[in-house]
PDB file of all heavy atoms in Angstrom:
ATOM      1  N   VAL A   1      -6.223 -13.942  -4.712  1.00  0.00           N
ATOM      2  CA  VAL A   1      -5.446 -12.786  -5.144  1.00  0.00           C
ATOM      3  C   VAL A   1      -6.034 -11.502  -4.530  1.00  0.00           C
ATOM      4  O   VAL A   1      -5.278 -10.601  -4.108  1.00  0.00           O
ATOM      5  CB  VAL A   1      -5.413 -12.664  -6.689  1.00  0.00           C
ATOM      6  CG1 VAL A   1      -4.606 -11.468  -7.114  1.00  0.00           C
ATOM      7  CG2 VAL A   1      -4.825 -13.935  -7.279  1.00  0.00           C
ATOM      8  N   ALA A   2      -7.360 -11.419  -4.540  1.00  0.00           N
ATOM      9  CA  ALA A   2      -8.014 -10.192  -4.059  1.00  0.00           C
ATOM     10  C   ALA A   2      -9.346 -10.511  -3.435  1.00  0.00           C
ATOM     11  O   ALA A   2      -9.942 -11.573  -3.677  1.00  0.00           O
ATOM     12  CB  ALA A   2      -8.207  -9.217  -5.247  1.00  0.00           C
ATOM     13  N   TYR A   3      -9.782  -9.570  -2.614  1.00  0.00           N
ATOM     14  CA  TYR A   3     -11.052  -9.678  -1.890  1.00  0.00           C
ATOM     15  C   TYR A   3     -11.896  -8.480  -2.245  1.00  0.00           C
ATOM     16  O   TYR A   3     -11.373  -7.364  -2.353  1.00  0.00           O
ATOM     17  CB  TYR A   3     -10.738  -9.704  -0.385  1.00  0.00           C
ATOM     18  CG  TYR A   3     -11.945  -9.657   0.524  1.00  0.00           C
ATOM     19  CD1 TYR A   3     -12.632 -10.821   0.783  1.00  0.00           C
ATOM     20  CD2 TYR A   3     -12.366  -8.456   1.067  1.00  0.00           C
ATOM     21  CE1 TYR A   3     -13.745 -10.794   1.623  1.00  0.00           C
ATOM     22  CE2 TYR A   3     -13.479  -8.426   1.917  1.00  0.00           C
ATOM     23  CZ  TYR A   3     -14.135  -9.620   2.197  1.00  0.00           C
ATOM     24  OH  TYR A   3     -15.246  -9.573   3.010  1.00  0.00           O
ATOM     25  N   MET A   4     -13.192  -8.694  -2.454  1.00  0.00           N
ATOM     26  CA  MET A   4     -14.099  -7.625  -2.787  1.00  0.00           C
ATOM     27  C   MET A   4     -15.250  -7.622  -1.804  1.00  0.00           C
ATOM     28  O   MET A   4     -15.696  -8.696  -1.378  1.00  0.00           O
ATOM     29  CB  MET A   4     -14.637  -7.817  -4.221  1.00  0.00           C
ATOM     30  CG  MET A   4     -13.531  -7.761  -5.263  1.00  0.00           C
ATOM     31  SD  MET A   4     -13.951  -8.643  -6.792  1.00  0.00           S
ATOM     32  CE  MET A   4     -13.621 -10.316  -6.344  1.00  0.00           C
ATOM     33  N   ASN A   5     -15.723  -6.424  -1.482  1.00  0.00           N
ATOM     34  CA  ASN A   5     -16.793  -6.264  -0.510  1.00  0.00           C
ATOM     35  C   ASN A   5     -17.669  -5.114  -0.972  1.00  0.00           C
ATOM     36  O   ASN A   5     -17.148  -4.130  -1.474  1.00  0.00           O
ATOM     37  CB  ASN A   5     -16.190  -5.969   0.877  1.00  0.00           C
ATOM     38  CG  ASN A   5     -17.241  -5.843   1.919  1.00  0.00           C
ATOM     39  OD1 ASN A   5     -18.137  -6.664   2.041  1.00  0.00           O
ATOM     40  ND2 ASN A   5     -17.131  -4.809   2.746  1.00  0.00           N
ATOM     41  N   ALA A   6     -18.977  -5.294  -0.787  1.00  0.00           N
ATOM     42  CA  ALA A   6     -19.885  -4.169  -1.127  1.00  0.00           C
ATOM     43  C   ALA A   6     -21.074  -4.195  -0.178  1.00  0.00           C
ATOM     44  O   ALA A   6     -21.493  -5.242   0.319  1.00  0.00           O
ATOM     45  CB  ALA A   6     -20.378  -4.331  -2.571  1.00  0.00           C
ATOM     46  N   SER A   7     -21.591  -3.004   0.079  1.00  0.00           N
ATOM     47  CA  SER A   7     -22.835  -2.882   0.826  1.00  0.00           C
ATOM     48  C   SER A   7     -23.731  -1.906   0.067  1.00  0.00           C
ATOM     49  O   SER A   7     -23.269  -0.937  -0.504  1.00  0.00           O
ATOM     50  CB  SER A   7     -22.599  -2.406   2.275  1.00  0.00           C
ATOM     51  OG  SER A   7     -22.003  -1.158   2.256  1.00  0.00           O
ATOM     52  N   ILE A   8     -25.004  -2.250   0.030  1.00  0.00           N
ATOM     53  CA  ILE A   8     -25.986  -1.416  -0.678  1.00  0.00           C
ATOM     54  C   ILE A   8     -27.080  -1.091   0.297  1.00  0.00           C
ATOM     55  O   ILE A   8     -27.928  -1.939   0.614  1.00  0.00           O
ATOM     56  CB  ILE A   8     -26.604  -2.158  -1.884  1.00  0.00           C
ATOM     57  CG1 ILE A   8     -25.497  -2.736  -2.801  1.00  0.00           C
ATOM     58  CG2 ILE A   8     -27.472  -1.214  -2.698  1.00  0.00           C
ATOM     59  CD1 ILE A   8     -26.025  -3.722  -3.818  1.00  0.00           C
ATOM     60  N   PRO A   9     -27.134   0.124   0.791  1.00  0.00           N
ATOM     61  CA  PRO A   9     -28.238   0.507   1.657  1.00  0.00           C
ATOM     62  C   PRO A   9     -29.499   0.668   0.829  1.00  0.00           C
ATOM     63  O   PRO A   9     -29.466   1.057  -0.328  1.00  0.00           O
ATOM     64  CB  PRO A   9     -27.799   1.847   2.255  1.00  0.00           C
ATOM     65  CG  PRO A   9     -26.740   2.357   1.356  1.00  0.00           C
ATOM     66  CD  PRO A   9     -26.151   1.199   0.646  1.00  0.00           C
ATOM     67  N   VAL A  10     -30.644   0.373   1.424  1.00  0.00           N
ATOM     68  CA  VAL A  10     -31.936   0.533   0.706  1.00  0.00           C
ATOM     69  C   VAL A  10     -32.076   1.958   0.284  1.00  0.00           C
ATOM     70  O   VAL A  10     -31.949   2.901   1.089  1.00  0.00           O
ATOM     71  CB  VAL A  10     -33.100   0.089   1.615  1.00  0.00           C
ATOM     72  CG1 VAL A  10     -34.424   0.414   0.967  1.00  0.00           C
ATOM     73  CG2 VAL A  10     -33.034  -1.387   1.914  1.00  0.00           C
ATOM     74  N   GLY A  11     -32.286   2.146  -1.029  1.00  0.00           N
ATOM     75  CA  GLY A  11     -32.462   3.480  -1.569  1.00  0.00           C
ATOM     76  C   GLY A  11     -31.200   4.308  -1.655  1.00  0.00           C
ATOM     77  O   GLY A  11     -31.271   5.509  -1.913  1.00  0.00           O
ATOM     78  N   GLY A  12     -30.064   3.694  -1.396  1.00  0.00           N
ATOM     79  CA  GLY A  12     -28.793   4.464  -1.390  1.00  0.00           C
ATOM     80  C   GLY A  12     -27.795   3.963  -2.425  1.00  0.00           C
ATOM     81  O   GLY A  12     -28.059   3.046  -3.205  1.00  0.00           O
ATOM     82  N   ALA A  13     -26.645   4.615  -2.426  1.00  0.00           N
ATOM     83  CA  ALA A  13     -25.585   4.272  -3.357  1.00  0.00           C
ATOM     84  C   ALA A  13     -24.734   3.166  -2.758  1.00  0.00           C
ATOM     85  O   ALA A  13     -24.512   3.127  -1.554  1.00  0.00           O
ATOM     86  CB  ALA A  13     -24.724   5.522  -3.624  1.00  0.00           C
ATOM     87  N   PRO A  14     -24.196   2.290  -3.601  1.00  0.00           N
ATOM     88  CA  PRO A  14     -23.374   1.208  -3.108  1.00  0.00           C
ATOM     89  C   PRO A  14     -22.015   1.686  -2.648  1.00  0.00           C
ATOM     90  O   PRO A  14     -21.500   2.701  -3.153  1.00  0.00           O
ATOM     91  CB  PRO A  14     -23.240   0.268  -4.296  1.00  0.00           C
ATOM     92  CG  PRO A  14     -23.364   1.152  -5.478  1.00  0.00           C
ATOM     93  CD  PRO A  14     -24.341   2.221  -5.065  1.00  0.00           C
ATOM     94  N   ASN A  15     -21.446   0.997  -1.682  1.00  0.00           N
ATOM     95  CA  ASN A  15     -20.066   1.236  -1.243  1.00  0.00           C
ATOM     96  C   ASN A  15     -19.296  -0.037  -1.615  1.00  0.00           C
ATOM     97  O   ASN A  15     -19.569  -1.109  -1.073  1.00  0.00           O
ATOM     98  CB  ASN A  15     -20.063   1.481   0.256  1.00  0.00           C
ATOM     99  CG  ASN A  15     -18.660   1.673   0.793  1.00  0.00           C
ATOM    100  OD1 ASN A  15     -17.677   1.732   0.031  1.00  0.00           O
ATOM    101  ND2 ASN A  15     -18.536   1.768   2.084  1.00  0.00           N
ATOM    102  N   ILE A  16     -18.348   0.084  -2.546  1.00  0.00           N
ATOM    103  CA  ILE A  16     -17.612  -1.052  -3.047  1.00  0.00           C
ATOM    104  C   ILE A  16     -16.157  -0.890  -2.685  1.00  0.00           C
ATOM    105  O   ILE A  16     -15.579   0.182  -2.924  1.00  0.00           O
ATOM    106  CB  ILE A  16     -17.751  -1.182  -4.583  1.00  0.00           C
ATOM    107  CG1 ILE A  16     -19.241  -1.328  -4.969  1.00  0.00           C
ATOM    108  CG2 ILE A  16     -16.947  -2.361  -5.127  1.00  0.00           C
ATOM    109  CD1 ILE A  16     -19.487  -1.257  -6.463  1.00  0.00           C
ATOM    110  N   SER A  17     -15.553  -1.954  -2.149  1.00  0.00           N
ATOM    111  CA  SER A  17     -14.111  -1.873  -1.836  1.00  0.00           C
ATOM    112  C   SER A  17     -13.411  -3.137  -2.274  1.00  0.00           C
ATOM    113  O   SER A  17     -14.054  -4.195  -2.461  1.00  0.00           O
ATOM    114  CB  SER A  17     -13.896  -1.659  -0.335  1.00  0.00           C
ATOM    115  OG  SER A  17     -14.374  -2.757   0.405  1.00  0.00           O
ATOM    116  N   ARG A  18     -12.137  -3.039  -2.482  1.00  0.00           N
ATOM    117  CA  ARG A  18     -11.296  -4.158  -2.925  1.00  0.00           C
ATOM    118  C   ARG A  18     -10.006  -4.143  -2.152  1.00  0.00           C
ATOM    119  O   ARG A  18      -9.515  -3.091  -1.775  1.00  0.00           O
ATOM    120  CB  ARG A  18     -10.947  -4.019  -4.409  1.00  0.00           C
ATOM    121  CG  ARG A  18     -12.106  -3.970  -5.344  1.00  0.00           C
ATOM    122  CD  ARG A  18     -11.643  -3.549  -6.733  1.00  0.00           C
ATOM    123  NE  ARG A  18     -12.738  -3.424  -7.633  1.00  0.00           N
ATOM    124  CZ  ARG A  18     -13.530  -2.376  -7.724  1.00  0.00           C
ATOM    125  NH1 ARG A  18     -13.330  -1.360  -6.975  1.00  0.00           N
ATOM    126  NH2 ARG A  18     -14.520  -2.363  -8.598  1.00  0.00           N
ATOM    127  N   ALA A  19      -9.436  -5.328  -1.924  1.00  0.00           N
ATOM    128  CA  ALA A  19      -8.139  -5.420  -1.255  1.00  0.00           C
ATOM    129  C   ALA A  19      -7.336  -6.446  -2.033  1.00  0.00           C
ATOM    130  O   ALA A  19      -7.761  -7.600  -2.201  1.00  0.00           O
ATOM    131  CB  ALA A  19      -8.289  -5.834   0.182  1.00  0.00           C
ATOM    132  N   ILE A  20      -6.177  -6.043  -2.500  1.00  0.00           N
ATOM    133  CA  ILE A  20      -5.281  -6.989  -3.180  1.00  0.00           C
ATOM    134  C   ILE A  20      -4.453  -7.668  -2.117  1.00  0.00           C
ATOM    135  O   ILE A  20      -3.773  -7.016  -1.306  1.00  0.00           O
ATOM    136  CB  ILE A  20      -4.377  -6.249  -4.199  1.00  0.00           C
ATOM    137  CG1 ILE A  20      -5.268  -5.666  -5.293  1.00  0.00           C
ATOM    138  CG2 ILE A  20      -3.336  -7.192  -4.787  1.00  0.00           C
ATOM    139  CD1 ILE A  20      -4.541  -4.733  -6.240  1.00  0.00           C
ATOM    140  N   GLN A  21      -4.529  -8.998  -2.086  1.00  0.00           N
ATOM    141  CA  GLN A  21      -3.864  -9.745  -1.040  1.00  0.00           C
ATOM    142  C   GLN A  21      -2.541 -10.357  -1.478  1.00  0.00           C
ATOM    143  O   GLN A  21      -1.713 -10.670  -0.624  1.00  0.00           O
ATOM    144  CB  GLN A  21      -4.828 -10.865  -0.548  1.00  0.00           C
ATOM    145  CG  GLN A  21      -6.059 -10.265   0.065  1.00  0.00           C
ATOM    146  CD  GLN A  21      -7.108 -11.285   0.360  1.00  0.00           C
ATOM    147  OE1 GLN A  21      -7.575 -11.974  -0.530  1.00  0.00           O
ATOM    148  NE2 GLN A  21      -7.456 -11.428   1.643  1.00  0.00           N
ATOM    149  N   ASN A  22      -2.356 -10.527  -2.770  1.00  0.00           N
ATOM    150  CA  ASN A  22      -1.107 -11.075  -3.277  1.00  0.00           C
ATOM    151  C   ASN A  22      -0.692 -10.203  -4.468  1.00  0.00           C
ATOM    152  O   ASN A  22      -1.154 -10.424  -5.581  1.00  0.00           O
ATOM    153  CB  ASN A  22      -1.323 -12.557  -3.695  1.00  0.00           C
ATOM    154  CG  ASN A  22      -0.054 -13.228  -4.087  1.00  0.00           C
ATOM    155  OD1 ASN A  22       0.812 -12.626  -4.745  1.00  0.00           O
ATOM    156  ND2 ASN A  22       0.093 -14.500  -3.712  1.00  0.00           N
ATOM    157  N   VAL A  23       0.176  -9.260  -4.210  1.00  0.00           N
ATOM    158  CA  VAL A  23       0.592  -8.292  -5.228  1.00  0.00           C
ATOM    159  C   VAL A  23       1.302  -8.961  -6.389  1.00  0.00           C
ATOM    160  O   VAL A  23       1.086  -8.608  -7.552  1.00  0.00           O
ATOM    161  CB  VAL A  23       1.471  -7.175  -4.630  1.00  0.00           C
ATOM    162  CG1 VAL A  23       1.980  -6.236  -5.681  1.00  0.00           C
ATOM    163  CG2 VAL A  23       0.687  -6.411  -3.566  1.00  0.00           C
ATOM    164  N   GLU A  24       2.148  -9.935  -6.089  1.00  0.00           N
ATOM    165  CA  GLU A  24       2.861 -10.653  -7.150  1.00  0.00           C
ATOM    166  C   GLU A  24       1.936 -11.327  -8.138  1.00  0.00           C
ATOM    167  O   GLU A  24       2.053 -11.184  -9.340  1.00  0.00           O
ATOM    168  CB  GLU A  24       3.821 -11.665  -6.555  1.00  0.00           C
ATOM    169  CG  GLU A  24       4.695 -12.363  -7.570  1.00  0.00           C
ATOM    170  CD  GLU A  24       5.651 -13.374  -6.936  1.00  0.00           C
ATOM    171  OE1 GLU A  24       6.180 -13.043  -5.821  1.00  0.00           O
ATOM    172  OE2 GLU A  24       5.862 -14.417  -7.529  1.00  0.00           O
ATOM    173  N   LEU A  25       0.932 -12.069  -7.614  1.00  0.00           N
ATOM    174  CA  LEU A  25      -0.031 -12.732  -8.487  1.00  0.00           C
ATOM    175  C   LEU A  25      -0.914 -11.670  -9.187  1.00  0.00           C
ATOM    176  O   LEU A  25      -1.291 -11.887 -10.356  1.00  0.00           O
ATOM    177  CB  LEU A  25      -0.939 -13.690  -7.676  1.00  0.00           C
ATOM    178  CG  LEU A  25      -0.361 -15.035  -7.355  1.00  0.00           C
ATOM    179  CD1 LEU A  25      -1.321 -15.868  -6.531  1.00  0.00           C
ATOM    180  CD2 LEU A  25       0.003 -15.781  -8.659  1.00  0.00           C
ATOM    181  N   PHE A  26      -1.244 -10.598  -8.505  1.00  0.00           N
ATOM    182  CA  PHE A  26      -2.015  -9.543  -9.159  1.00  0.00           C
ATOM    183  C   PHE A  26      -1.253  -8.995 -10.368  1.00  0.00           C
ATOM    184  O   PHE A  26      -1.826  -8.867 -11.431  1.00  0.00           O
ATOM    185  CB  PHE A  26      -2.321  -8.416  -8.182  1.00  0.00           C
ATOM    186  CG  PHE A  26      -2.992  -7.222  -8.821  1.00  0.00           C
ATOM    187  CD1 PHE A  26      -4.333  -7.246  -9.131  1.00  0.00           C
ATOM    188  CD2 PHE A  26      -2.255  -6.086  -9.144  1.00  0.00           C
ATOM    189  CE1 PHE A  26      -4.964  -6.169  -9.748  1.00  0.00           C
ATOM    190  CE2 PHE A  26      -2.844  -5.019  -9.753  1.00  0.00           C
ATOM    191  CZ  PHE A  26      -4.219  -5.048 -10.038  1.00  0.00           C
ATOM    192  N   ASN A  27       0.002  -8.665 -10.175  1.00  0.00           N
ATOM    193  CA  ASN A  27       0.795  -8.105 -11.244  1.00  0.00           C
ATOM    194  C   ASN A  27       0.971  -9.040 -12.444  1.00  0.00           C
ATOM    195  O   ASN A  27       0.967  -8.597 -13.579  1.00  0.00           O
ATOM    196  CB  ASN A  27       2.175  -7.670 -10.736  1.00  0.00           C
ATOM    197  CG  ASN A  27       2.089  -6.419  -9.869  1.00  0.00           C
ATOM    198  OD1 ASN A  27       1.205  -5.597 -10.015  1.00  0.00           O
ATOM    199  ND2 ASN A  27       3.053  -6.279  -8.961  1.00  0.00           N
ATOM    200  N   THR A  28       1.046 -10.344 -12.193  1.00  0.00           N
ATOM    201  CA  THR A  28       1.213 -11.263 -13.294  1.00  0.00           C
ATOM    202  C   THR A  28      -0.094 -11.686 -13.917  1.00  0.00           C
ATOM    203  O   THR A  28      -0.078 -12.267 -15.029  1.00  0.00           O
ATOM    204  CB  THR A  28       1.999 -12.526 -12.859  1.00  0.00           C
ATOM    205  OG1 THR A  28       1.326 -13.166 -11.779  1.00  0.00           O
ATOM    206  CG2 THR A  28       3.440 -12.200 -12.453  1.00  0.00           C
ATOM    207  N   ASN A  29      -1.212 -11.420 -13.260  1.00  0.00           N
ATOM    208  CA  ASN A  29      -2.509 -11.800 -13.781  1.00  0.00           C
ATOM    209  C   ASN A  29      -3.491 -10.636 -13.770  1.00  0.00           C
ATOM    210  O   ASN A  29      -4.703 -10.806 -13.614  1.00  0.00           O
ATOM    211  CB  ASN A  29      -3.109 -12.949 -12.920  1.00  0.00           C
ATOM    212  CG  ASN A  29      -2.245 -14.197 -12.969  1.00  0.00           C
ATOM    213  OD1 ASN A  29      -2.321 -14.960 -13.905  1.00  0.00           O
ATOM    214  ND2 ASN A  29      -1.421 -14.371 -11.949  1.00  0.00           N
TER     215      ASN A  29
END
């Protein structure tokens, strides 16, 4: 339904992203 990705640089703030791949399944779940 969705994909998640994150990177955490040493001593830094995380960068988190998400991509919804199936909108219909996302909406029903």
